[in-house]
PDB file of N, CA and C in Angstrom:
ATOM      1  N   MET A   1      -3.821  28.962  -9.555  1.00  0.00           N
ATOM      2  CA  MET A   1      -3.039  28.162 -10.277  1.00  0.00           C
ATOM      3  C   MET A   1      -2.050  27.398  -9.457  1.00  0.00           C
ATOM      4  N   ASN A   2      -1.645  28.003  -8.215  1.00  0.00           N
ATOM      5  CA  ASN A   2      -0.796  27.457  -7.309  1.00  0.00           C
ATOM      6  C   ASN A   2      -1.321  26.095  -6.756  1.00  0.00           C
ATOM      7  N   GLU A   3      -2.710  26.046  -6.487  1.00  0.00           N
ATOM      8  CA  GLU A   3      -3.372  24.936  -5.923  1.00  0.00           C
ATOM      9  C   GLU A   3      -3.237  23.636  -6.933  1.00  0.00           C
ATOM     10  N   ILE A   4      -3.435  23.984  -8.204  1.00  0.00           N
ATOM     11  CA  ILE A   4      -3.281  22.926  -9.142  1.00  0.00           C
ATOM     12  C   ILE A   4      -2.004  22.416  -9.200  1.00  0.00           C
ATOM     13  N   GLY A   5      -0.937  23.162  -9.172  1.00  0.00           N
ATOM     14  CA  GLY A   5       0.428  22.664  -9.152  1.00  0.00           C
ATOM     15  C   GLY A   5       0.726  21.859  -7.916  1.00  0.00           C
ATOM     16  N   LYS A   6       0.218  22.329  -6.788  1.00  0.00           N
ATOM     17  CA  LYS A   6       0.355  21.544  -5.452  1.00  0.00           C
ATOM     18  C   LYS A   6      -0.250  20.136  -5.604  1.00  0.00           C
ATOM     19  N   TRP A   7      -1.393  20.022  -6.144  1.00  0.00           N
ATOM     20  CA  TRP A   7      -2.097  18.782  -6.383  1.00  0.00           C
ATOM     21  C   TRP A   7      -1.465  17.841  -7.401  1.00  0.00           C
ATOM     22  N   LEU A   8      -0.975  18.461  -8.370  1.00  0.00           N
ATOM     23  CA  LEU A   8      -0.264  17.685  -9.432  1.00  0.00           C
ATOM     24  C   LEU A   8       1.114  17.028  -8.933  1.00  0.00           C
ATOM     25  N   MET A   9       1.706  17.848  -8.046  1.00  0.00           N
ATOM     26  CA  MET A   9       2.933  17.413  -7.423  1.00  0.00           C
ATOM     27  C   MET A   9       2.662  16.167  -6.444  1.00  0.00           C
ATOM     28  N   VAL A  10       1.598  16.348  -5.577  1.00  0.00           N
ATOM     29  CA  VAL A  10       1.124  15.221  -4.698  1.00  0.00           C
ATOM     30  C   VAL A  10       0.809  14.050  -5.478  1.00  0.00           C
ATOM     31  N   ALA A  11       0.008  14.167  -6.560  1.00  0.00           N
ATOM     32  CA  ALA A  11      -0.419  13.099  -7.403  1.00  0.00           C
ATOM     33  C   ALA A  11       0.694  12.343  -8.042  1.00  0.00           C
ATOM     34  N   GLY A  12       1.725  13.194  -8.505  1.00  0.00           N
ATOM     35  CA  GLY A  12       2.926  12.600  -9.084  1.00  0.00           C
ATOM     36  C   GLY A  12       3.691  11.793  -8.103  1.00  0.00           C
ATOM     37  N   LEU A  13       3.870  12.322  -6.826  1.00  0.00           N
ATOM     38  CA  LEU A  13       4.584  11.542  -5.889  1.00  0.00           C
ATOM     39  C   LEU A  13       3.869  10.284  -5.426  1.00  0.00           C
ATOM     40  N   LEU A  14       2.529  10.330  -5.411  1.00  0.00           N
ATOM     41  CA  LEU A  14       1.677   9.271  -5.050  1.00  0.00           C
ATOM     42  C   LEU A  14       1.938   8.137  -6.121  1.00  0.00           C
ATOM     43  N   LEU A  15       1.744   8.604  -7.422  1.00  0.00           N
ATOM     44  CA  LEU A  15       1.892   7.653  -8.428  1.00  0.00           C
ATOM     45  C   LEU A  15       3.437   7.060  -8.426  1.00  0.00           C
ATOM     46  N   ALA A  16       4.349   7.799  -8.172  1.00  0.00           N
ATOM     47  CA  ALA A  16       5.762   7.347  -8.062  1.00  0.00           C
ATOM     48  C   ALA A  16       5.868   6.230  -6.865  1.00  0.00           C
ATOM     49  N   GLY A  17       5.205   6.528  -5.896  1.00  0.00           N
ATOM     50  CA  GLY A  17       5.197   5.636  -4.673  1.00  0.00           C
ATOM     51  C   GLY A  17       4.535   4.272  -4.947  1.00  0.00           C
ATOM     52  N   VAL A  18       3.388   4.402  -5.638  1.00  0.00           N
ATOM     53  CA  VAL A  18       2.637   3.175  -6.066  1.00  0.00           C
ATOM     54  C   VAL A  18       3.581   2.338  -7.019  1.00  0.00           C
ATOM     55  N   GLY A  19       4.194   3.035  -7.973  1.00  0.00           N
ATOM     56  CA  GLY A  19       5.062   2.333  -8.925  1.00  0.00           C
ATOM     57  C   GLY A  19       6.242   1.680  -8.158  1.00  0.00           C
ATOM     58  N   ALA A  20       6.910   2.372  -7.330  1.00  0.00           N
ATOM     59  CA  ALA A  20       7.971   1.818  -6.545  1.00  0.00           C
ATOM     60  C   ALA A  20       7.570   0.635  -5.711  1.00  0.00           C
ATOM     61  N   PHE A  21       6.357   0.619  -5.077  1.00  0.00           N
ATOM     62  CA  PHE A  21       5.815  -0.420  -4.289  1.00  0.00           C
ATOM     63  C   PHE A  21       5.516  -1.600  -5.149  1.00  0.00           C
ATOM     64  N   LEU A  22       5.017  -1.322  -6.405  1.00  0.00           N
ATOM     65  CA  LEU A  22       4.701  -2.468  -7.316  1.00  0.00           C
ATOM     66  C   LEU A  22       6.071  -3.118  -7.788  1.00  0.00           C
ATOM     67  N   TRP A  23       7.005  -2.272  -8.104  1.00  0.00           N
ATOM     68  CA  TRP A  23       8.301  -2.687  -8.565  1.00  0.00           C
ATOM     69  C   TRP A  23       9.077  -3.448  -7.476  1.00  0.00           C
ATOM     70  N   LEU A  24       9.140  -2.905  -6.272  1.00  0.00           N
ATOM     71  CA  LEU A  24       9.883  -3.537  -5.224  1.00  0.00           C
ATOM     72  C   LEU A  24       9.085  -4.459  -4.339  1.00  0.00           C
ATOM     73  N   GLY A  25       7.884  -4.546  -4.444  1.00  0.00           N
ATOM     74  CA  GLY A  25       6.966  -5.371  -3.612  1.00  0.00           C
ATOM     75  C   GLY A  25       7.386  -6.903  -3.677  1.00  0.00           C
ATOM     76  N   PRO A  26       7.538  -7.393  -4.883  1.00  0.00           N
ATOM     77  CA  PRO A  26       7.851  -8.876  -4.817  1.00  0.00           C
ATOM     78  C   PRO A  26       9.253  -9.200  -4.313  1.00  0.00           C
ATOM     79  N   LYS A  27      10.090  -8.128  -4.132  1.00  0.00           N
ATOM     80  CA  LYS A  27      11.482  -8.383  -3.624  1.00  0.00           C
ATOM     81  C   LYS A  27      11.449  -8.292  -2.070  1.00  0.00           C
ATOM     82  N   ILE A  28      10.286  -7.964  -1.387  1.00  0.00           N
ATOM     83  CA  ILE A  28      10.218  -8.008   0.017  1.00  0.00           C
ATOM     84  C   ILE A  28       9.487  -9.303   0.443  1.00  0.00           C
ATOM     85  N   PRO A  29      10.313 -10.306   1.088  1.00  0.00           N
ATOM     86  CA  PRO A  29       9.796 -11.511   1.136  1.00  0.00           C
ATOM     87  C   PRO A  29       8.599 -11.697   2.216  1.00  0.00           C
ATOM     88  N   TRP A  30       8.618 -10.789   3.196  1.00  0.00           N
ATOM     89  CA  TRP A  30       7.654 -10.897   4.164  1.00  0.00           C
ATOM     90  C   TRP A  30       6.340 -10.176   3.884  1.00  0.00           C
ATOM     91  N   LEU A  31       6.421  -9.300   2.845  1.00  0.00           N
ATOM     92  CA  LEU A  31       5.128  -8.637   2.496  1.00  0.00           C
ATOM     93  C   LEU A  31       4.105  -9.576   1.942  1.00  0.00           C
ATOM     94  N   GLY A  32       2.960  -9.633   2.502  1.00  0.00           N
ATOM     95  CA  GLY A  32       1.844 -10.548   2.189  1.00  0.00           C
ATOM     96  C   GLY A  32       1.966 -11.945   2.862  1.00  0.00           C
ATOM     97  N   ARG A  33       2.929 -12.178   3.698  1.00  0.00           N
ATOM     98  CA  ARG A  33       2.990 -13.423   4.400  1.00  0.00           C
ATOM     99  C   ARG A  33       3.167 -13.131   5.887  1.00  0.00           C
ATOM    100  N   LEU A  34       2.534 -12.211   6.406  1.00  0.00           N
ATOM    101  CA  LEU A  34       2.582 -11.838   7.824  1.00  0.00           C
ATOM    102  C   LEU A  34       1.556 -12.682   8.592  1.00  0.00           C
ATOM    103  N   PRO A  35       1.773 -12.933   9.979  1.00  0.00           N
ATOM    104  CA  PRO A  35       0.854 -13.616  10.727  1.00  0.00           C
ATOM    105  C   PRO A  35      -0.470 -12.838  10.699  1.00  0.00           C
ATOM    106  N   GLY A  36      -1.486 -13.525  10.463  1.00  0.00           N
ATOM    107  CA  GLY A  36      -2.784 -12.796  10.383  1.00  0.00           C
ATOM    108  C   GLY A  36      -3.313 -12.769   8.949  1.00  0.00           C
ATOM    109  N   ASP A  37      -2.454 -13.011   8.095  1.00  0.00           N
ATOM    110  CA  ASP A  37      -2.957 -13.099   6.697  1.00  0.00           C
ATOM    111  C   ASP A  37      -3.597 -14.283   6.465  1.00  0.00           C
ATOM    112  N   ILE A  38      -4.713 -14.459   5.758  1.00  0.00           N
ATOM    113  CA  ILE A  38      -5.579 -15.499   5.668  1.00  0.00           C
ATOM    114  C   ILE A  38      -5.265 -16.296   4.449  1.00  0.00           C
ATOM    115  N   ALA A  39      -5.044 -17.554   4.473  1.00  0.00           N
ATOM    116  CA  ALA A  39      -4.668 -18.425   3.320  1.00  0.00           C
ATOM    117  C   ALA A  39      -5.489 -19.773   3.525  1.00  0.00           C
ATOM    118  N   VAL A  40      -6.262 -20.060   2.520  1.00  0.00           N
ATOM    119  CA  VAL A  40      -7.103 -21.335   2.504  1.00  0.00           C
ATOM    120  C   VAL A  40      -6.799 -22.086   1.140  1.00  0.00           C
ATOM    121  N   GLU A  41      -6.231 -23.250   1.315  1.00  0.00           N
ATOM    122  CA  GLU A  41      -5.927 -23.972   0.139  1.00  0.00           C
ATOM    123  C   GLU A  41      -6.687 -25.326   0.183  1.00  0.00           C
ATOM    124  N   ARG A  42      -7.455 -25.568  -0.835  1.00  0.00           N
ATOM    125  CA  ARG A  42      -8.170 -26.837  -0.938  1.00  0.00           C
ATOM    126  C   ARG A  42      -7.858 -27.458  -2.417  1.00  0.00           C
ATOM    127  N   PRO A  43      -8.179 -28.693  -2.601  1.00  0.00           N
ATOM    128  CA  PRO A  43      -7.711 -29.342  -3.900  1.00  0.00           C
ATOM    129  C   PRO A  43      -8.083 -28.430  -5.070  1.00  0.00           C
ATOM    130  N   ASN A  44      -9.273 -27.951  -5.292  1.00  0.00           N
ATOM    131  CA  ASN A  44      -9.694 -27.155  -6.348  1.00  0.00           C
ATOM    132  C   ASN A  44     -10.000 -25.717  -6.146  1.00  0.00           C
ATOM    133  N   PHE A  45      -9.575 -25.203  -4.978  1.00  0.00           N
ATOM    134  CA  PHE A  45      -9.875 -23.848  -4.443  1.00  0.00           C
ATOM    135  C   PHE A  45      -8.688 -23.196  -3.762  1.00  0.00           C
ATOM    136  N   LYS A  46      -8.432 -21.901  -4.026  1.00  0.00           N
ATOM    137  CA  LYS A  46      -7.361 -21.248  -3.189  1.00  0.00           C
ATOM    138  C   LYS A  46      -8.005 -19.881  -2.919  1.00  0.00           C
ATOM    139  N   PHE A  47      -7.912 -19.501  -1.642  1.00  0.00           N
ATOM    140  CA  PHE A  47      -8.315 -18.193  -1.274  1.00  0.00           C
ATOM    141  C   PHE A  47      -7.279 -17.599  -0.446  1.00  0.00           C
ATOM    142  N   TYR A  48      -6.889 -16.331  -0.710  1.00  0.00           N
ATOM    143  CA  TYR A  48      -5.855 -15.610  -0.021  1.00  0.00           C
ATOM    144  C   TYR A  48      -6.339 -14.286   0.276  1.00  0.00           C
ATOM    145  N   PHE A  49      -6.207 -13.738   1.559  1.00  0.00           N
ATOM    146  CA  PHE A  49      -6.582 -12.433   1.871  1.00  0.00           C
ATOM    147  C   PHE A  49      -5.630 -11.922   2.868  1.00  0.00           C
ATOM    148  N   PRO A  50      -4.673 -10.923   2.425  1.00  0.00           N
ATOM    149  CA  PRO A  50      -3.623 -10.472   3.308  1.00  0.00           C
ATOM    150  C   PRO A  50      -4.172  -9.446   4.249  1.00  0.00           C
ATOM    151  N   LEU A  51      -4.857  -9.909   5.325  1.00  0.00           N
ATOM    152  CA  LEU A  51      -5.500  -9.016   6.412  1.00  0.00           C
ATOM    153  C   LEU A  51      -4.565  -8.124   7.072  1.00  0.00           C
ATOM    154  N   THR A  52      -3.500  -8.658   7.608  1.00  0.00           N
ATOM    155  CA  THR A  52      -2.441  -8.037   8.414  1.00  0.00           C
ATOM    156  C   THR A  52      -1.757  -6.979   7.460  1.00  0.00           C
ATOM    157  N   THR A  53      -1.345  -7.452   6.274  1.00  0.00           N
ATOM    158  CA  THR A  53      -0.708  -6.603   5.342  1.00  0.00           C
ATOM    159  C   THR A  53      -1.579  -5.504   4.980  1.00  0.00           C
ATOM    160  N   CYS A  54      -2.854  -5.615   4.723  1.00  0.00           N
ATOM    161  CA  CYS A  54      -3.643  -4.552   4.406  1.00  0.00           C
ATOM    162  C   CYS A  54      -3.918  -3.418   5.668  1.00  0.00           C
ATOM    163  N   ILE A  55      -3.892  -3.964   6.800  1.00  0.00           N
ATOM    164  CA  ILE A  55      -4.018  -3.037   7.932  1.00  0.00           C
ATOM    165  C   ILE A  55      -2.721  -2.287   8.093  1.00  0.00           C
ATOM    166  N   ILE A  56      -1.623  -2.877   7.928  1.00  0.00           N
ATOM    167  CA  ILE A  56      -0.277  -2.031   7.992  1.00  0.00           C
ATOM    168  C   ILE A  56      -0.206  -1.078   6.818  1.00  0.00           C
ATOM    169  N   VAL A  57      -0.479  -1.506   5.582  1.00  0.00           N
ATOM    170  CA  VAL A  57      -0.469  -0.426   4.537  1.00  0.00           C
ATOM    171  C   VAL A  57      -1.549   0.552   4.783  1.00  0.00           C
ATOM    172  N   SER A  58      -2.672   0.245   5.299  1.00  0.00           N
ATOM    173  CA  SER A  58      -3.687   1.465   5.621  1.00  0.00           C
ATOM    174  C   SER A  58      -3.190   2.336   6.671  1.00  0.00           C
ATOM    175  N   VAL A  59      -2.515   1.784   7.707  1.00  0.00           N
ATOM    176  CA  VAL A  59      -1.978   2.673   8.744  1.00  0.00           C
ATOM    177  C   VAL A  59      -0.886   3.638   8.106  1.00  0.00           C
ATOM    178  N   VAL A  60      -0.053   3.103   7.415  1.00  0.00           N
ATOM    179  CA  VAL A  60       1.051   3.877   6.858  1.00  0.00           C
ATOM    180  C   VAL A  60       0.540   4.981   5.910  1.00  0.00           C
ATOM    181  N   LEU A  61      -0.438   4.603   5.073  1.00  0.00           N
ATOM    182  CA  LEU A  61      -1.057   5.594   4.167  1.00  0.00           C
ATOM    183  C   LEU A  61      -1.835   6.716   4.993  1.00  0.00           C
ATOM    184  N   THR A  62      -2.552   6.220   6.018  1.00  0.00           N
ATOM    185  CA  THR A  62      -3.190   7.195   6.884  1.00  0.00           C
ATOM    186  C   THR A  62      -2.275   8.187   7.584  1.00  0.00           C
ATOM    187  N   LEU A  63      -1.136   7.695   7.963  1.00  0.00           N
ATOM    188  CA  LEU A  63      -0.135   8.494   8.564  1.00  0.00           C
ATOM    189  C   LEU A  63       0.407   9.568   7.590  1.00  0.00           C
ATOM    190  N   LEU A  64       0.730   9.126   6.375  1.00  0.00           N
ATOM    191  CA  LEU A  64       1.181   9.990   5.259  1.00  0.00           C
ATOM    192  C   LEU A  64       0.130  10.955   5.020  1.00  0.00           C
ATOM    193  N   ALA A  65      -1.050  10.661   4.832  1.00  0.00           N
ATOM    194  CA  ALA A  65      -2.045  11.616   4.522  1.00  0.00           C
ATOM    195  C   ALA A  65      -2.256  12.682   5.616  1.00  0.00           C
ATOM    196  N   TRP A  66      -2.161  12.220   6.958  1.00  0.00           N
ATOM    197  CA  TRP A  66      -2.296  13.144   8.078  1.00  0.00           C
ATOM    198  C   TRP A  66      -1.160  14.074   8.042  1.00  0.00           C
ATOM    199  N   LEU A  67       0.131  13.577   7.830  1.00  0.00           N
ATOM    200  CA  LEU A  67       1.269  14.563   7.608  1.00  0.00           C
ATOM    201  C   LEU A  67       1.232  15.447   6.521  1.00  0.00           C
ATOM    202  N   LEU A  68       0.553  15.073   5.426  1.00  0.00           N
ATOM    203  CA  LEU A  68       0.583  15.933   4.263  1.00  0.00           C
ATOM    204  C   LEU A  68      -0.518  17.081   4.494  1.00  0.00           C
ATOM    205  N   ARG A  69      -1.474  16.678   5.271  1.00  0.00           N
ATOM    206  CA  ARG A  69      -2.569  17.777   5.530  1.00  0.00           C
ATOM    207  C   ARG A  69      -2.171  18.710   6.629  1.00  0.00           C
ATOM    208  N   ARG A  70      -1.244  18.361   7.506  1.00  0.00           N
ATOM    209  CA  ARG A  70      -0.765  19.233   8.556  1.00  0.00           C
ATOM    210  C   ARG A  70      -0.011  20.429   7.935  1.00  0.00           C
ATOM    211  N   HIS A  71       0.676  20.332   6.919  1.00  0.00           N
ATOM    212  CA  HIS A  71       1.554  21.369   6.346  1.00  0.00           C
ATOM    213  C   HIS A  71       0.771  21.941   5.342  1.00  0.00           C
TER     214      HIS A  71
END
């Protein structure tokens, strides 16, 4: 039963983190507009892929997962 409680706590913290990111994300002006983010705009076509932002988010999440597994 302790294992289930531990995973529920981790899931709750993760969900709260995602909620905070979605809530505060638009208020961070540089998020999604970093050098290396791909943006193509044509008259009838827009394509946007935040490559650098995805890499930074991936590195941060990987470090968090690594830290959580260590303990």
